[in-house]
Amino acid sequence: MDKSSDFVPYYAVIFTSIQNEEVEGYSEMANYMQLLAEKQEGYLGFESARNELGISVSYWKSVEDIKKWKQQSEHQLAQKFGKAKWYRFYKVRICKVEREYEQGA
């Protein structure tokens, strides 16, 4: 994520999940959602890691931008597939980031 520091405070949507055994089509949908999110108003960036537990964090300028992304029609379709096919468990957290710092490149 590289654009956030210009927008402190900003918001993070933390999505943690455990996938089902059958994940056919998941990678393609995840890649498409990433491309689609990048085009949304207020989008700042994305980070993700997966072992058994997946953690994906998207960053947004405002809560309103997050609400618009949640309501985006293609994103809603992906959410339905996730609930019906891909995820055994998931949790969503929305957090306000008030400060950030880093070390290294």
Protein backbone atom coordinates (compact mmCIF):
# COMPACT_ATOMS: atom_id res chain seq x y z
CA MET A 1 0.00 0.00 0.00
CA ASP A 2 1.61 3.22 -1.04
CA LYS A 3 -0.96 6.03 -1.22
CA SER A 4 -2.32 6.04 2.33
CA SER A 5 0.09 8.35 4.15
CA ASP A 6 -1.30 11.34 2.26
CA PHE A 7 -4.76 10.61 3.70
CA VAL A 8 -4.23 9.97 7.43
CA PRO A 9 -6.64 9.32 8.98
CA TYR A 10 -8.04 6.70 6.63
CA TYR A 11 -9.91 3.41 6.98
CA ALA A 12 -8.99 -0.26 6.72
CA VAL A 13 -11.35 -3.12 5.92
CA ILE A 14 -9.81 -6.28 7.40
CA PHE A 15 -11.25 -9.47 5.92
CA THR A 16 -10.15 -12.72 7.57
CA SER A 17 -11.31 -16.05 6.17
CA ILE A 18 -10.92 -19.79 6.10
CA GLN A 19 -11.71 -21.32 2.72
CA ASN A 20 -13.71 -24.43 1.93
CA GLU A 21 -12.02 -27.35 0.21
CA GLU A 22 -13.59 -26.41 -3.16
CA VAL A 23 -12.39 -23.01 -4.39
CA GLU A 24 -12.83 -23.31 -8.15
CA GLY A 25 -13.06 -19.83 -9.65
CA TYR A 26 -11.90 -18.11 -6.47
CA SER A 27 -8.53 -16.84 -7.74
CA GLU A 28 -10.06 -15.39 -10.89
CA MET A 29 -12.77 -13.61 -8.92
CA ALA A 30 -10.27 -12.31 -6.35
CA ASN A 31 -8.06 -10.89 -9.10
CA TYR A 32 -11.04 -9.28 -10.80
CA MET A 33 -12.26 -7.76 -7.50
CA GLN A 34 -8.80 -6.29 -6.96
CA LEU A 35 -8.86 -4.62 -10.38
CA LEU A 36 -12.42 -3.40 -9.82
CA ALA A 37 -11.63 -2.02 -6.35
CA GLU A 38 -8.72 -0.02 -7.75
CA LYS A 39 -11.22 1.90 -9.91
CA GLN A 40 -13.50 2.83 -7.00
CA GLU A 41 -13.63 6.30 -5.51
CA GLY A 42 -11.64 6.52 -2.30
CA TYR A 43 -9.59 3.35 -2.85
CA LEU A 44 -6.06 3.64 -1.41
CA GLY A 45 -4.53 0.16 -1.56
CA PHE A 46 -4.62 -3.53 -0.72
CA GLU A 47 -2.53 -6.14 1.12
CA SER A 48 -3.16 -9.87 1.44
CA ALA A 49 -1.66 -13.09 2.81
CA ARG A 50 -3.00 -16.64 2.97
CA ASN A 51 -2.09 -19.86 4.71
CA GLU A 52 -4.99 -21.71 6.31
CA LEU A 53 -6.22 -18.32 7.50
CA GLY A 54 -6.44 -15.62 4.84
CA ILE A 55 -6.07 -11.96 5.75
CA SER A 56 -6.91 -9.26 3.22
CA VAL A 57 -6.85 -5.57 4.04
CA SER A 58 -8.19 -2.87 1.76
CA TYR A 59 -7.64 0.81 2.51
CA TRP A 60 -10.12 3.62 1.89
CA LYS A 61 -10.36 7.39 2.34
CA SER A 62 -13.74 7.26 4.10
CA VAL A 63 -16.45 5.04 5.56
CA GLU A 64 -18.74 6.30 2.78
CA ASP A 65 -16.31 4.95 0.16
CA ILE A 66 -16.34 1.58 1.93
CA LYS A 67 -20.16 1.53 1.90
CA LYS A 68 -20.20 2.29 -1.84
CA TRP A 69 -17.72 -0.54 -2.49
CA LYS A 70 -19.84 -2.97 -0.44
CA GLN A 71 -22.88 -2.03 -2.54
CA GLN A 72 -21.11 -2.23 -5.92
CA SER A 73 -23.10 -4.80 -7.96
CA GLU A 74 -20.22 -7.00 -9.12
CA HIS A 75 -18.73 -6.96 -5.63
CA GLN A 76 -22.10 -8.06 -4.25
CA LEU A 77 -22.06 -11.01 -6.67
CA ALA A 78 -18.57 -11.98 -5.47
CA GLN A 79 -19.81 -11.76 -1.86
CA LYS A 80 -22.65 -14.16 -2.67
CA PHE A 81 -20.24 -16.66 -4.24
CA GLY A 82 -17.97 -16.35 -1.23
CA LYS A 83 -20.77 -17.09 1.22
CA ALA A 84 -22.21 -19.95 -0.85
CA LYS A 85 -19.04 -21.62 -2.19
CA TRP A 86 -15.64 -20.44 -1.05
CA TYR A 87 -15.62 -19.60 2.66
CA ARG A 88 -16.09 -21.87 5.65
CA PHE A 89 -15.62 -18.82 7.90
CA TYR A 90 -15.08 -15.11 7.45
CA LYS A 91 -15.06 -11.94 9.52
CA VAL A 92 -14.98 -8.30 8.44
CA ARG A 93 -13.59 -5.50 10.57
CA ILE A 94 -13.58 -1.81 9.68
CA CYS A 95 -10.98 0.28 11.47
CA LYS A 96 -9.89 3.90 11.46
CA VAL A 97 -6.14 4.30 10.94
CA GLU A 98 -4.96 7.41 12.71
CA ARG A 99 -1.23 6.97 12.34
CA GLU A 100 1.22 4.86 10.34
CA TYR A 101 4.95 4.36 10.16
CA GLU A 102 7.30 1.86 8.55
CA GLN A 103 10.91 0.81 8.28
CA GLY A 104 12.76 -0.57 5.28
CA ALA A 105 11.71 -0.93 1.71
